[in-house]
Amino acid sequence: MSHSSSDAAIEVIKVGRDGIRFRFGAELHIPEHPSWVPPRPPDEALPAQYDRFWVTATSPPPTRDGKPWEWGLMVADPGQDPPPAFDPTVDGEWQRHGITWVDGIPLLDTPPLDSVILDQALHVPFEWGREMTFEEKPDPLGFLSVPYKQPYEYDPTYVSVGVNYYGEYTLPWRTPLAPGAWVAVSFDRFRPPERKSADFITQVRDCNLFHSPSWRPAAG
């Protein structure tokens, strides 16, 4: 399931102890989007991008205007009014119901350097006819850090949305993580503080992407 976080989108596939696998798309074909610049799709192929797009991940997620990162997140349980506060130590409820946000929830802060576990440019090729799918339902793999308008909120028919740039990536963490650890992923490197984009928050599963299934990081 894809999530638009600016004029880009992420679809997380798997988050393991040693890395992350995700799909990334940029320049969404949504005429109402604030960054729309016709023509989209273009009349001619566009050059691949080598350092325009970056992915940065940090664990734990950075604070939120100095408050804990989970501040202002709520479980979107339709059976409870008001929605209960999100608790990152409790599994099940947010995966089942999804997440909502208090009005005016602050963006995530710039993370301390020692919490950054991934920071690199993405080589993203142009593709004709590539689409990403957006669905209005909970994603059990994660959620946006703040609300951000999704394609189907512009128009209910925007479920499969064209993108100019697209790639699938499997990238290693700088240091291994324990299952259950929380990770924040940004395509704006968590800056500037007044950015208009959202980050993606996900959780490490009991799996590996670069090692055998039985591999566990050495203690310490």
N, C-alpha and C. Protein backbone atom coordinates (compact mmCIF):
# COMPACT_ATOMS: atom_id res chain seq x y z
N MET A 1 0.84 -1.18 0.00
CA MET A 1 0.00 0.00 0.00
C MET A 1 0.88 1.25 0.00
N SER A 2 0.61 2.17 -0.91
CA SER A 2 1.43 3.36 -1.05
C SER A 2 0.91 4.51 -0.20
N HIS A 3 1.82 5.41 0.15
CA HIS A 3 1.48 6.60 0.92
C HIS A 3 2.16 7.79 0.27
N SER A 4 1.39 8.79 -0.10
CA SER A 4 1.96 10.03 -0.62
C SER A 4 2.40 10.90 0.55
N SER A 5 3.64 11.40 0.48
CA SER A 5 4.16 12.21 1.58
C SER A 5 4.62 13.58 1.11
N SER A 6 4.59 13.82 -0.19
CA SER A 6 4.92 15.10 -0.82
C SER A 6 4.61 14.84 -2.28
N ASP A 7 5.45 15.30 -3.20
CA ASP A 7 5.29 14.86 -4.59
C ASP A 7 6.05 13.55 -4.78
N ALA A 8 6.03 12.73 -3.76
CA ALA A 8 6.66 11.42 -3.79
C ALA A 8 5.79 10.47 -2.99
N ALA A 9 6.04 9.18 -3.15
CA ALA A 9 5.25 8.18 -2.44
C ALA A 9 6.15 7.02 -2.07
N ILE A 10 5.80 6.37 -0.96
CA ILE A 10 6.53 5.20 -0.50
C ILE A 10 5.56 4.05 -0.29
N GLU A 11 5.99 2.87 -0.66
CA GLU A 11 5.27 1.63 -0.33
C GLU A 11 6.27 0.71 0.36
N VAL A 12 6.14 0.58 1.66
CA VAL A 12 7.05 -0.27 2.42
C VAL A 12 6.65 -1.73 2.20
N ILE A 13 7.62 -2.55 1.89
CA ILE A 13 7.37 -3.97 1.64
C ILE A 13 7.78 -4.81 2.84
N LYS A 14 8.97 -4.54 3.39
CA LYS A 14 9.45 -5.32 4.54
C LYS A 14 10.48 -4.49 5.30
N VAL A 15 10.43 -4.59 6.61
CA VAL A 15 11.38 -3.90 7.48
C VAL A 15 12.00 -4.96 8.39
N GLY A 16 13.29 -5.21 8.23
CA GLY A 16 13.95 -6.25 8.99
C GLY A 16 14.98 -5.71 9.96
N ARG A 17 15.63 -6.65 10.66
CA ARG A 17 16.68 -6.26 11.59
C ARG A 17 17.83 -5.54 10.89
N ASP A 18 18.09 -5.95 9.64
CA ASP A 18 19.29 -5.47 8.97
C ASP A 18 19.02 -4.52 7.82
N GLY A 19 17.76 -4.21 7.52
CA GLY A 19 17.50 -3.30 6.42
C GLY A 19 16.03 -3.15 6.09
N ILE A 20 15.76 -2.43 5.02
CA ILE A 20 14.40 -2.12 4.62
C ILE A 20 14.25 -2.34 3.11
N ARG A 21 13.06 -2.79 2.71
CA ARG A 21 12.73 -2.91 1.28
C ARG A 21 11.48 -2.07 1.03
N PHE A 22 11.54 -1.23 0.01
CA PHE A 22 10.42 -0.35 -0.27
C PHE A 22 10.40 0.02 -1.75
N ARG A 23 9.23 0.47 -2.19
CA ARG A 23 9.06 1.05 -3.52
C ARG A 23 8.91 2.56 -3.36
N PHE A 24 9.51 3.30 -4.29
CA PHE A 24 9.49 4.76 -4.25
C PHE A 24 9.05 5.29 -5.59
N GLY A 25 8.15 6.27 -5.56
CA GLY A 25 7.72 6.92 -6.79
C GLY A 25 7.71 8.42 -6.59
N ALA A 26 7.93 9.16 -7.67
CA ALA A 26 7.96 10.62 -7.58
C ALA A 26 7.30 11.25 -8.80
N GLU A 27 6.84 12.47 -8.62
CA GLU A 27 6.10 13.21 -9.62
C GLU A 27 4.80 12.48 -9.96
N LEU A 28 3.89 12.51 -9.01
CA LEU A 28 2.60 11.85 -9.17
C LEU A 28 1.74 12.58 -10.20
N HIS A 29 0.96 11.83 -10.94
CA HIS A 29 0.10 12.39 -11.98
C HIS A 29 -1.25 12.78 -11.39
N ILE A 30 -1.27 13.85 -10.61
CA ILE A 30 -2.49 14.34 -9.98
C ILE A 30 -2.63 15.82 -10.35
N PRO A 31 -3.53 16.18 -11.24
CA PRO A 31 -3.62 17.58 -11.67
C PRO A 31 -3.87 18.55 -10.53
N GLU A 32 -4.59 18.13 -9.49
CA GLU A 32 -4.90 19.03 -8.39
C GLU A 32 -3.75 19.18 -7.39
N HIS A 33 -2.70 18.35 -7.52
CA HIS A 33 -1.60 18.40 -6.56
C HIS A 33 -0.90 19.75 -6.66
N PRO A 34 -0.52 20.35 -5.50
CA PRO A 34 0.08 21.69 -5.53
C PRO A 34 1.36 21.78 -6.33
N SER A 35 2.07 20.68 -6.55
CA SER A 35 3.32 20.75 -7.31
C SER A 35 3.16 20.29 -8.75
N TRP A 36 1.90 20.15 -9.20
CA TRP A 36 1.65 19.72 -10.57
C TRP A 36 2.23 20.71 -11.57
N VAL A 37 3.03 20.21 -12.50
CA VAL A 37 3.57 21.04 -13.58
C VAL A 37 3.35 20.27 -14.88
N PRO A 38 2.37 20.64 -15.70
CA PRO A 38 2.12 19.91 -16.95
C PRO A 38 3.35 19.96 -17.85
N PRO A 39 3.56 19.03 -18.79
CA PRO A 39 2.68 17.87 -18.96
C PRO A 39 3.12 16.68 -18.12
N ARG A 40 2.16 15.97 -17.57
CA ARG A 40 2.41 14.71 -16.87
C ARG A 40 1.37 13.70 -17.31
N PRO A 41 1.73 12.57 -17.82
CA PRO A 41 3.11 12.16 -18.12
C PRO A 41 3.72 13.02 -19.22
N PRO A 42 5.04 13.08 -19.29
CA PRO A 42 5.70 13.95 -20.26
C PRO A 42 5.58 13.42 -21.68
N ASP A 43 5.90 14.26 -22.63
CA ASP A 43 5.86 13.87 -24.03
C ASP A 43 7.09 13.05 -24.42
N GLU A 44 8.18 13.26 -23.70
CA GLU A 44 9.42 12.54 -23.99
C GLU A 44 9.97 11.96 -22.68
N ALA A 45 10.79 10.93 -22.82
CA ALA A 45 11.39 10.32 -21.64
C ALA A 45 12.25 11.34 -20.89
N LEU A 46 12.23 11.24 -19.56
CA LEU A 46 13.01 12.13 -18.71
C LEU A 46 14.30 11.44 -18.26
N PRO A 47 15.35 12.19 -17.99
CA PRO A 47 16.60 11.56 -17.54
C PRO A 47 16.44 10.98 -16.14
N ALA A 48 17.16 9.90 -15.88
CA ALA A 48 17.17 9.31 -14.54
C ALA A 48 17.74 10.31 -13.54
N GLN A 49 17.29 10.20 -12.30
CA GLN A 49 17.74 11.10 -11.24
C GLN A 49 18.72 10.33 -10.34
N TYR A 50 19.90 10.92 -10.11
CA TYR A 50 20.93 10.24 -9.35
C TYR A 50 21.12 10.81 -7.94
N ASP A 51 20.83 12.06 -7.72
CA ASP A 51 21.03 12.63 -6.39
C ASP A 51 19.94 13.63 -6.02
N ARG A 52 18.85 13.64 -6.77
CA ARG A 52 17.73 14.53 -6.45
C ARG A 52 16.93 14.00 -5.27
N PHE A 53 16.78 12.70 -5.18
CA PHE A 53 15.99 12.08 -4.13
C PHE A 53 16.89 11.36 -3.13
N TRP A 54 16.60 11.57 -1.86
CA TRP A 54 17.35 10.94 -0.78
C TRP A 54 16.39 10.19 0.14
N VAL A 55 16.89 9.15 0.76
CA VAL A 55 16.14 8.49 1.82
C VAL A 55 16.98 8.53 3.09
N THR A 56 16.36 8.94 4.18
CA THR A 56 17.01 9.00 5.49
C THR A 56 16.11 8.29 6.48
N ALA A 57 16.69 7.43 7.30
CA ALA A 57 15.93 6.73 8.33
C ALA A 57 16.63 6.87 9.66
N THR A 58 15.84 6.91 10.70
CA THR A 58 16.38 7.07 12.05
C THR A 58 15.62 6.17 13.00
N SER A 59 16.31 5.61 13.97
CA SER A 59 15.67 4.78 14.99
C SER A 59 16.34 5.08 16.34
N PRO A 60 15.53 5.47 17.34
CA PRO A 60 14.08 5.67 17.26
C PRO A 60 13.74 6.90 16.43
N PRO A 61 12.45 7.08 16.08
CA PRO A 61 12.06 8.31 15.40
C PRO A 61 12.44 9.52 16.24
N PRO A 62 12.72 10.64 15.60
CA PRO A 62 13.09 11.85 16.37
C PRO A 62 11.90 12.42 17.13
N THR A 63 12.20 13.31 18.03
CA THR A 63 11.15 13.96 18.81
C THR A 63 10.26 14.81 17.90
N ARG A 64 9.21 15.32 18.51
CA ARG A 64 8.21 16.09 17.78
C ARG A 64 8.04 17.42 18.52
N ASP A 65 8.74 18.45 18.05
CA ASP A 65 8.75 19.73 18.76
C ASP A 65 9.19 19.52 20.21
N GLY A 66 10.16 18.62 20.39
CA GLY A 66 10.69 18.33 21.71
C GLY A 66 9.91 17.30 22.49
N LYS A 67 8.72 16.96 22.04
CA LYS A 67 7.90 15.94 22.71
C LYS A 67 8.23 14.56 22.14
N PRO A 68 7.81 13.48 22.81
CA PRO A 68 8.02 12.14 22.25
C PRO A 68 7.40 12.03 20.86
N TRP A 69 8.00 11.20 20.00
CA TRP A 69 7.54 11.11 18.61
C TRP A 69 6.10 10.64 18.50
N GLU A 70 5.63 9.87 19.47
CA GLU A 70 4.27 9.35 19.40
C GLU A 70 3.22 10.36 19.85
N TRP A 71 3.66 11.52 20.35
CA TRP A 71 2.71 12.52 20.82
C TRP A 71 1.81 12.97 19.67
N GLY A 72 0.51 13.05 19.93
CA GLY A 72 -0.44 13.52 18.94
C GLY A 72 -0.96 12.46 18.00
N LEU A 73 -0.47 11.22 18.11
CA LEU A 73 -0.98 10.12 17.31
C LEU A 73 -2.10 9.42 18.07
N MET A 74 -3.15 9.03 17.36
CA MET A 74 -4.28 8.33 17.96
C MET A 74 -4.66 7.13 17.10
N VAL A 75 -5.22 6.12 17.73
CA VAL A 75 -5.72 4.96 17.00
C VAL A 75 -7.09 5.29 16.45
N ALA A 76 -7.27 5.11 15.15
CA ALA A 76 -8.52 5.49 14.48
C ALA A 76 -9.59 4.43 14.67
N ASP A 77 -9.90 4.14 15.94
CA ASP A 77 -10.91 3.12 16.27
C ASP A 77 -12.29 3.75 16.18
N PRO A 78 -13.15 3.33 15.23
CA PRO A 78 -14.47 3.95 15.09
C PRO A 78 -15.38 3.67 16.27
N GLY A 79 -15.04 2.71 17.11
CA GLY A 79 -15.87 2.37 18.25
C GLY A 79 -15.56 3.20 19.49
N GLN A 80 -14.57 4.09 19.39
CA GLN A 80 -14.21 4.89 20.56
C GLN A 80 -14.22 6.37 20.20
N ASP A 81 -14.84 7.17 21.04
CA ASP A 81 -14.92 8.61 20.84
C ASP A 81 -14.64 9.31 22.17
N PRO A 82 -13.53 10.03 22.30
CA PRO A 82 -12.53 10.30 21.26
C PRO A 82 -11.64 9.09 21.01
N PRO A 83 -10.89 9.11 19.91
CA PRO A 83 -9.98 8.00 19.64
C PRO A 83 -8.93 7.87 20.74
N PRO A 84 -8.55 6.65 21.08
CA PRO A 84 -7.52 6.48 22.13
C PRO A 84 -6.14 6.90 21.64
N ALA A 85 -5.31 7.34 22.57
CA ALA A 85 -3.94 7.70 22.22
C ALA A 85 -3.18 6.48 21.73
N PHE A 86 -2.34 6.65 20.74
CA PHE A 86 -1.49 5.59 20.23
C PHE A 86 -0.42 5.25 21.25
N ASP A 87 -0.23 3.97 21.50
CA ASP A 87 0.80 3.49 22.42
C ASP A 87 1.77 2.62 21.63
N PRO A 88 3.01 3.06 21.41
CA PRO A 88 3.94 2.28 20.58
C PRO A 88 4.34 0.95 21.19
N THR A 89 4.01 0.71 22.46
CA THR A 89 4.35 -0.57 23.09
C THR A 89 3.25 -1.61 22.93
N VAL A 90 2.12 -1.23 22.32
CA VAL A 90 0.98 -2.13 22.18
C VAL A 90 0.78 -2.46 20.71
N ASP A 91 0.79 -3.74 20.37
CA ASP A 91 0.56 -4.18 18.99
C ASP A 91 -0.92 -4.49 18.79
N GLY A 92 -1.32 -4.48 17.53
CA GLY A 92 -2.65 -4.96 17.18
C GLY A 92 -3.64 -3.88 16.84
N GLU A 93 -3.84 -2.92 17.75
CA GLU A 93 -4.91 -1.95 17.53
C GLU A 93 -4.61 -1.01 16.36
N TRP A 94 -3.41 -0.46 16.31
CA TRP A 94 -3.13 0.47 15.22
C TRP A 94 -3.05 -0.24 13.88
N GLN A 95 -2.56 -1.50 13.87
CA GLN A 95 -2.53 -2.24 12.61
C GLN A 95 -3.94 -2.51 12.09
N ARG A 96 -4.87 -2.71 13.02
CA ARG A 96 -6.24 -3.05 12.64
C ARG A 96 -7.05 -1.82 12.24
N HIS A 97 -6.85 -0.72 12.94
CA HIS A 97 -7.69 0.45 12.73
C HIS A 97 -6.99 1.60 12.01
N GLY A 98 -5.68 1.62 12.00
CA GLY A 98 -4.97 2.74 11.41
C GLY A 98 -4.74 3.86 12.42
N ILE A 99 -4.15 4.92 11.95
CA ILE A 99 -3.75 6.05 12.79
C ILE A 99 -4.44 7.32 12.34
N THR A 100 -4.78 8.17 13.30
CA THR A 100 -5.20 9.53 13.01
C THR A 100 -4.36 10.48 13.86
N TRP A 101 -4.55 11.78 13.67
CA TRP A 101 -3.63 12.76 14.26
C TRP A 101 -4.43 13.89 14.91
N VAL A 102 -3.92 14.44 15.99
CA VAL A 102 -4.56 15.61 16.59
C VAL A 102 -4.34 16.81 15.66
N ASP A 103 -5.24 17.76 15.72
CA ASP A 103 -5.08 18.97 14.91
C ASP A 103 -3.79 19.70 15.30
N GLY A 104 -3.07 20.12 14.30
CA GLY A 104 -1.86 20.88 14.55
C GLY A 104 -0.69 20.06 15.05
N ILE A 105 -0.71 18.75 14.84
CA ILE A 105 0.40 17.91 15.31
C ILE A 105 1.71 18.39 14.69
N PRO A 106 2.76 18.56 15.51
CA PRO A 106 4.04 19.06 14.96
C PRO A 106 4.73 18.00 14.08
N LEU A 107 5.57 18.48 13.19
CA LEU A 107 6.42 17.61 12.40
C LEU A 107 7.47 16.95 13.29
N LEU A 108 8.07 15.88 12.80
CA LEU A 108 9.21 15.30 13.50
C LEU A 108 10.40 16.25 13.41
N ASP A 109 11.17 16.30 14.47
CA ASP A 109 12.34 17.16 14.52
C ASP A 109 13.50 16.57 13.70
N THR A 110 14.52 17.38 13.46
CA THR A 110 15.74 16.87 12.87
C THR A 110 16.39 15.89 13.85
N PRO A 111 16.71 14.67 13.43
CA PRO A 111 17.22 13.68 14.38
C PRO A 111 18.67 13.91 14.76
N PRO A 112 19.08 13.45 15.94
CA PRO A 112 20.52 13.46 16.27
C PRO A 112 21.26 12.50 15.35
N LEU A 113 22.50 12.83 15.04
CA LEU A 113 23.26 12.04 14.07
C LEU A 113 23.42 10.59 14.51
N ASP A 114 23.54 10.36 15.82
CA ASP A 114 23.80 8.99 16.25
C ASP A 114 22.57 8.09 16.14
N SER A 115 21.41 8.65 15.78
CA SER A 115 20.23 7.82 15.60
C SER A 115 19.96 7.51 14.13
N VAL A 116 20.74 8.10 13.22
CA VAL A 116 20.53 7.89 11.78
C VAL A 116 21.08 6.53 11.39
N ILE A 117 20.24 5.69 10.80
CA ILE A 117 20.64 4.33 10.42
C ILE A 117 20.68 4.14 8.91
N LEU A 118 20.26 5.16 8.16
CA LEU A 118 20.29 5.10 6.70
C LEU A 118 20.25 6.54 6.18
N ASP A 119 21.13 6.85 5.24
CA ASP A 119 21.14 8.18 4.65
C ASP A 119 21.87 8.10 3.33
N GLN A 120 21.13 8.04 2.23
CA GLN A 120 21.79 7.93 0.95
C GLN A 120 20.89 8.42 -0.18
N ALA A 121 21.53 8.81 -1.28
CA ALA A 121 20.81 9.22 -2.47
C ALA A 121 20.23 7.99 -3.16
N LEU A 122 19.12 8.19 -3.84
CA LEU A 122 18.48 7.13 -4.60
C LEU A 122 18.69 7.36 -6.09
N HIS A 123 19.09 6.32 -6.79
CA HIS A 123 19.11 6.36 -8.25
C HIS A 123 17.71 5.96 -8.70
N VAL A 124 16.95 6.90 -9.27
CA VAL A 124 15.55 6.65 -9.62
C VAL A 124 15.37 6.83 -11.12
N PRO A 125 15.05 5.75 -11.84
CA PRO A 125 14.86 5.88 -13.29
C PRO A 125 13.46 6.37 -13.65
N PHE A 126 13.34 6.98 -14.82
CA PHE A 126 12.04 7.32 -15.39
C PHE A 126 11.44 6.06 -16.00
N GLU A 127 10.11 5.91 -15.89
CA GLU A 127 9.42 4.78 -16.50
C GLU A 127 8.12 5.25 -17.11
N TRP A 128 7.84 4.77 -18.32
CA TRP A 128 6.54 5.03 -18.92
C TRP A 128 5.49 4.12 -18.27
N GLY A 129 4.32 4.67 -18.00
CA GLY A 129 3.18 3.85 -17.60
C GLY A 129 3.27 3.24 -16.22
N ARG A 130 4.20 3.69 -15.39
CA ARG A 130 4.30 3.12 -14.04
C ARG A 130 3.24 3.75 -13.15
N GLU A 131 2.58 2.92 -12.32
CA GLU A 131 1.56 3.40 -11.40
C GLU A 131 1.83 2.87 -10.00
N MET A 132 1.33 3.60 -9.00
CA MET A 132 1.35 3.15 -7.62
C MET A 132 -0.09 3.18 -7.10
N THR A 133 -0.40 2.27 -6.19
CA THR A 133 -1.77 2.10 -5.70
C THR A 133 -1.93 2.70 -4.31
N PHE A 134 -2.99 3.45 -4.14
CA PHE A 134 -3.32 4.11 -2.87
C PHE A 134 -4.70 3.64 -2.42
N GLU A 135 -4.78 3.17 -1.17
CA GLU A 135 -6.04 2.65 -0.65
C GLU A 135 -6.37 3.32 0.68
N GLU A 136 -7.65 3.60 0.87
CA GLU A 136 -8.09 4.24 2.10
C GLU A 136 -8.41 3.17 3.14
N LYS A 137 -7.36 2.54 3.64
CA LYS A 137 -7.51 1.53 4.69
C LYS A 137 -6.21 1.46 5.48
N PRO A 138 -6.25 0.88 6.69
CA PRO A 138 -5.03 0.82 7.51
C PRO A 138 -3.92 0.02 6.82
N ASP A 139 -2.71 0.49 7.00
CA ASP A 139 -1.53 -0.23 6.52
C ASP A 139 -0.86 -0.85 7.73
N PRO A 140 -0.83 -2.19 7.82
CA PRO A 140 -0.23 -2.82 9.00
C PRO A 140 1.28 -2.65 9.10
N LEU A 141 1.91 -2.06 8.08
CA LEU A 141 3.35 -1.88 8.12
C LEU A 141 3.77 -0.49 8.61
N GLY A 142 2.80 0.43 8.72
CA GLY A 142 3.20 1.75 9.22
C GLY A 142 2.20 2.82 8.87
N PHE A 143 2.60 4.09 9.08
CA PHE A 143 1.69 5.21 8.91
C PHE A 143 2.51 6.50 8.76
N LEU A 144 1.85 7.55 8.27
CA LEU A 144 2.49 8.84 8.14
C LEU A 144 2.64 9.52 9.49
N SER A 145 3.69 10.32 9.61
CA SER A 145 3.97 11.01 10.88
C SER A 145 2.98 12.14 11.13
N VAL A 146 2.48 12.74 10.09
CA VAL A 146 1.48 13.83 10.17
C VAL A 146 0.50 13.60 9.03
N PRO A 147 -0.69 14.19 9.08
CA PRO A 147 -1.62 14.00 7.97
C PRO A 147 -1.09 14.63 6.69
N TYR A 148 -1.33 13.97 5.58
CA TYR A 148 -0.95 14.49 4.27
C TYR A 148 -1.99 14.02 3.27
N LYS A 149 -2.47 14.91 2.45
CA LYS A 149 -3.56 14.60 1.52
C LYS A 149 -3.16 13.51 0.54
N GLN A 150 -3.94 12.44 0.48
CA GLN A 150 -3.67 11.32 -0.39
C GLN A 150 -4.41 11.48 -1.72
N PRO A 151 -3.97 10.78 -2.77
CA PRO A 151 -4.60 10.95 -4.08
C PRO A 151 -6.12 10.78 -4.07
N TYR A 152 -6.64 9.78 -3.34
CA TYR A 152 -8.09 9.55 -3.34
C TYR A 152 -8.85 10.66 -2.62
N GLU A 153 -8.14 11.52 -1.89
CA GLU A 153 -8.80 12.66 -1.27
C GLU A 153 -8.96 13.82 -2.27
N TYR A 154 -8.17 13.83 -3.33
CA TYR A 154 -8.40 14.76 -4.42
C TYR A 154 -9.58 14.30 -5.27
N ASP A 155 -9.63 12.99 -5.53
CA ASP A 155 -10.67 12.42 -6.37
C ASP A 155 -10.74 10.93 -6.04
N PRO A 156 -11.95 10.38 -5.73
CA PRO A 156 -12.05 8.96 -5.37
C PRO A 156 -11.55 8.01 -6.44
N THR A 157 -11.45 8.49 -7.69
CA THR A 157 -10.97 7.61 -8.75
C THR A 157 -9.45 7.49 -8.76
N TYR A 158 -8.76 8.33 -7.98
CA TYR A 158 -7.30 8.25 -7.94
C TYR A 158 -6.87 7.15 -6.98
N VAL A 159 -6.95 5.93 -7.44
CA VAL A 159 -6.51 4.77 -6.68
C VAL A 159 -5.17 4.29 -7.22
N SER A 160 -5.13 4.04 -8.52
CA SER A 160 -3.86 3.78 -9.19
C SER A 160 -3.41 5.07 -9.86
N VAL A 161 -2.27 5.58 -9.44
CA VAL A 161 -1.80 6.89 -9.87
C VAL A 161 -0.47 6.75 -10.59
N GLY A 162 -0.36 7.37 -11.75
CA GLY A 162 0.88 7.34 -12.49
C GLY A 162 1.98 8.13 -11.80
N VAL A 163 3.21 7.67 -11.96
CA VAL A 163 4.38 8.39 -11.46
C VAL A 163 5.41 8.43 -12.57
N ASN A 164 6.18 9.52 -12.62
CA ASN A 164 7.24 9.62 -13.63
C ASN A 164 8.47 8.82 -13.26
N TYR A 165 8.80 8.82 -11.96
CA TYR A 165 10.00 8.14 -11.49
C TYR A 165 9.62 7.03 -10.52
N TYR A 166 10.32 5.90 -10.64
CA TYR A 166 9.92 4.74 -9.82
C TYR A 166 11.13 3.81 -9.65
N GLY A 167 11.21 3.23 -8.45
CA GLY A 167 12.23 2.22 -8.20
C GLY A 167 11.90 1.40 -6.97
N GLU A 168 12.44 0.19 -6.92
CA GLU A 168 12.32 -0.66 -5.73
C GLU A 168 13.72 -0.84 -5.15
N TYR A 169 13.83 -0.71 -3.83
CA TYR A 169 15.13 -0.68 -3.17
C TYR A 169 15.15 -1.60 -1.96
N THR A 170 16.28 -2.26 -1.77
CA THR A 170 16.55 -3.01 -0.55
C THR A 170 17.87 -2.46 -0.01
N LEU A 171 17.79 -1.77 1.13
CA LEU A 171 18.93 -1.02 1.65
C LEU A 171 19.24 -1.46 3.08
N PRO A 172 20.53 -1.55 3.42
CA PRO A 172 20.91 -2.00 4.76
C PRO A 172 20.91 -0.87 5.78
N TRP A 173 20.61 -1.22 7.02
CA TRP A 173 20.81 -0.28 8.12
C TRP A 173 22.31 -0.17 8.41
N ARG A 174 22.71 0.95 8.97
CA ARG A 174 24.09 1.10 9.40
C ARG A 174 24.39 0.22 10.61
N THR A 175 23.38 -0.01 11.40
CA THR A 175 23.53 -0.87 12.57
C THR A 175 22.27 -1.71 12.70
N PRO A 176 22.37 -2.98 13.08
CA PRO A 176 21.17 -3.82 13.17
C PRO A 176 20.22 -3.36 14.27
N LEU A 177 18.95 -3.67 14.08
CA LEU A 177 17.91 -3.27 15.02
C LEU A 177 17.21 -4.50 15.56
N ALA A 178 16.59 -4.35 16.71
CA ALA A 178 15.83 -5.43 17.32
C ALA A 178 14.41 -5.44 16.79
N PRO A 179 13.80 -6.61 16.65
CA PRO A 179 12.39 -6.65 16.27
C PRO A 179 11.56 -5.80 17.24
N GLY A 180 10.62 -5.05 16.68
CA GLY A 180 9.81 -4.16 17.49
C GLY A 180 10.32 -2.74 17.54
N ALA A 181 11.57 -2.50 17.13
CA ALA A 181 12.10 -1.14 17.12
C ALA A 181 11.33 -0.29 16.11
N TRP A 182 11.17 0.99 16.42
CA TRP A 182 10.46 1.91 15.55
C TRP A 182 11.45 2.70 14.71
N VAL A 183 11.07 2.96 13.46
CA VAL A 183 11.93 3.63 12.50
C VAL A 183 11.10 4.72 11.80
N ALA A 184 11.69 5.90 11.63
CA ALA A 184 11.08 6.96 10.83
C ALA A 184 11.88 7.11 9.54
N VAL A 185 11.16 7.22 8.42
CA VAL A 185 11.78 7.33 7.10
C VAL A 185 11.37 8.66 6.48
N SER A 186 12.34 9.41 5.99
CA SER A 186 12.08 10.72 5.39
C SER A 186 12.73 10.80 4.02
N PHE A 187 12.03 11.46 3.08
CA PHE A 187 12.62 11.76 1.78
C PHE A 187 13.03 13.22 1.70
N ASP A 188 12.94 13.92 2.81
CA ASP A 188 13.40 15.31 2.90
C ASP A 188 14.50 15.45 3.94
N ARG A 189 15.05 14.33 4.41
CA ARG A 189 16.14 14.32 5.39
C ARG A 189 15.73 15.03 6.69
N PHE A 190 14.41 15.00 6.97
CA PHE A 190 13.85 15.58 8.19
C PHE A 190 14.10 17.09 8.29
N ARG A 191 14.15 17.76 7.15
CA ARG A 191 14.35 19.20 7.18
C ARG A 191 13.78 19.83 5.91
N PRO A 192 13.51 21.15 5.94
CA PRO A 192 13.66 22.07 7.07
C PRO A 192 12.52 21.88 8.07
N PRO A 193 12.60 22.51 9.24
CA PRO A 193 11.53 22.34 10.24
C PRO A 193 10.15 22.73 9.73
N GLU A 194 10.10 23.65 8.77
CA GLU A 194 8.81 24.11 8.25
C GLU A 194 8.40 23.39 6.97
N ARG A 195 9.02 22.22 6.68
CA ARG A 195 8.69 21.49 5.45
C ARG A 195 7.20 21.14 5.41
N LYS A 196 6.68 20.94 4.21
CA LYS A 196 5.26 20.64 4.02
C LYS A 196 4.99 19.16 3.83
N SER A 197 6.01 18.34 3.92
CA SER A 197 5.86 16.91 3.67
C SER A 197 5.67 16.14 4.97
N ALA A 198 5.31 14.87 4.80
CA ALA A 198 5.17 13.94 5.94
C ALA A 198 6.29 12.90 5.87
N ASP A 199 6.64 12.33 7.01
CA ASP A 199 7.57 11.21 7.08
C ASP A 199 6.76 9.94 7.31
N PHE A 200 7.41 8.79 7.15
CA PHE A 200 6.73 7.50 7.33
C PHE A 200 7.32 6.80 8.53
N ILE A 201 6.46 6.27 9.39
CA ILE A 201 6.89 5.57 10.61
C ILE A 201 6.53 4.10 10.47
N THR A 202 7.50 3.24 10.71
CA THR A 202 7.31 1.81 10.55
C THR A 202 7.99 1.08 11.70
N GLN A 203 7.83 -0.23 11.74
CA GLN A 203 8.34 -1.02 12.85
C GLN A 203 9.08 -2.25 12.33
N VAL A 204 10.20 -2.57 12.98
CA VAL A 204 11.04 -3.69 12.57
C VAL A 204 10.33 -5.02 12.86
N ARG A 205 10.34 -5.92 11.87
CA ARG A 205 9.76 -7.25 12.01
C ARG A 205 10.85 -8.27 12.36
N ASP A 206 10.42 -9.43 12.69
CA ASP A 206 11.35 -10.51 13.06
C ASP A 206 11.82 -11.22 11.80
N CYS A 207 12.64 -10.51 11.02
CA CYS A 207 13.13 -11.06 9.76
C CYS A 207 14.43 -10.36 9.37
N ASN A 208 15.09 -10.91 8.36
CA ASN A 208 16.32 -10.33 7.83
C ASN A 208 16.19 -10.17 6.32
N LEU A 209 16.87 -9.18 5.76
CA LEU A 209 16.86 -8.97 4.32
C LEU A 209 18.21 -9.27 3.67
N PHE A 210 19.29 -9.24 4.46
CA PHE A 210 20.62 -9.46 3.93
C PHE A 210 21.31 -10.68 4.53
N HIS A 211 20.74 -11.26 5.57
CA HIS A 211 21.31 -12.41 6.25
C HIS A 211 20.33 -13.58 6.21
N SER A 212 20.80 -14.75 6.62
CA SER A 212 19.93 -15.91 6.69
C SER A 212 18.82 -15.67 7.71
N PRO A 213 17.70 -16.38 7.59
CA PRO A 213 16.59 -16.17 8.53
C PRO A 213 16.96 -16.37 9.98
N SER A 214 17.97 -17.20 10.26
CA SER A 214 18.34 -17.48 11.65
C SER A 214 19.33 -16.46 12.22
N TRP A 215 19.83 -15.54 11.38
CA TRP A 215 20.84 -14.60 11.85
C TRP A 215 20.29 -13.66 12.88
N ARG A 216 21.09 -13.44 13.93
CA ARG A 216 20.78 -12.44 14.95
C ARG A 216 22.04 -11.60 15.17
N PRO A 217 21.90 -10.29 15.34
CA PRO A 217 23.08 -9.47 15.59
C PRO A 217 23.76 -9.85 16.89
N ALA A 218 25.07 -9.71 16.92
CA ALA A 218 25.82 -10.03 18.13
C ALA A 218 25.44 -9.07 19.24
N ALA A 219 25.42 -9.55 20.46
CA ALA A 219 25.08 -8.70 21.60
C ALA A 219 26.06 -7.56 21.71
N GLY A 220 25.53 -6.36 21.97
CA GLY A 220 26.39 -5.19 22.12
C GLY A 220 26.84 -4.60 20.83
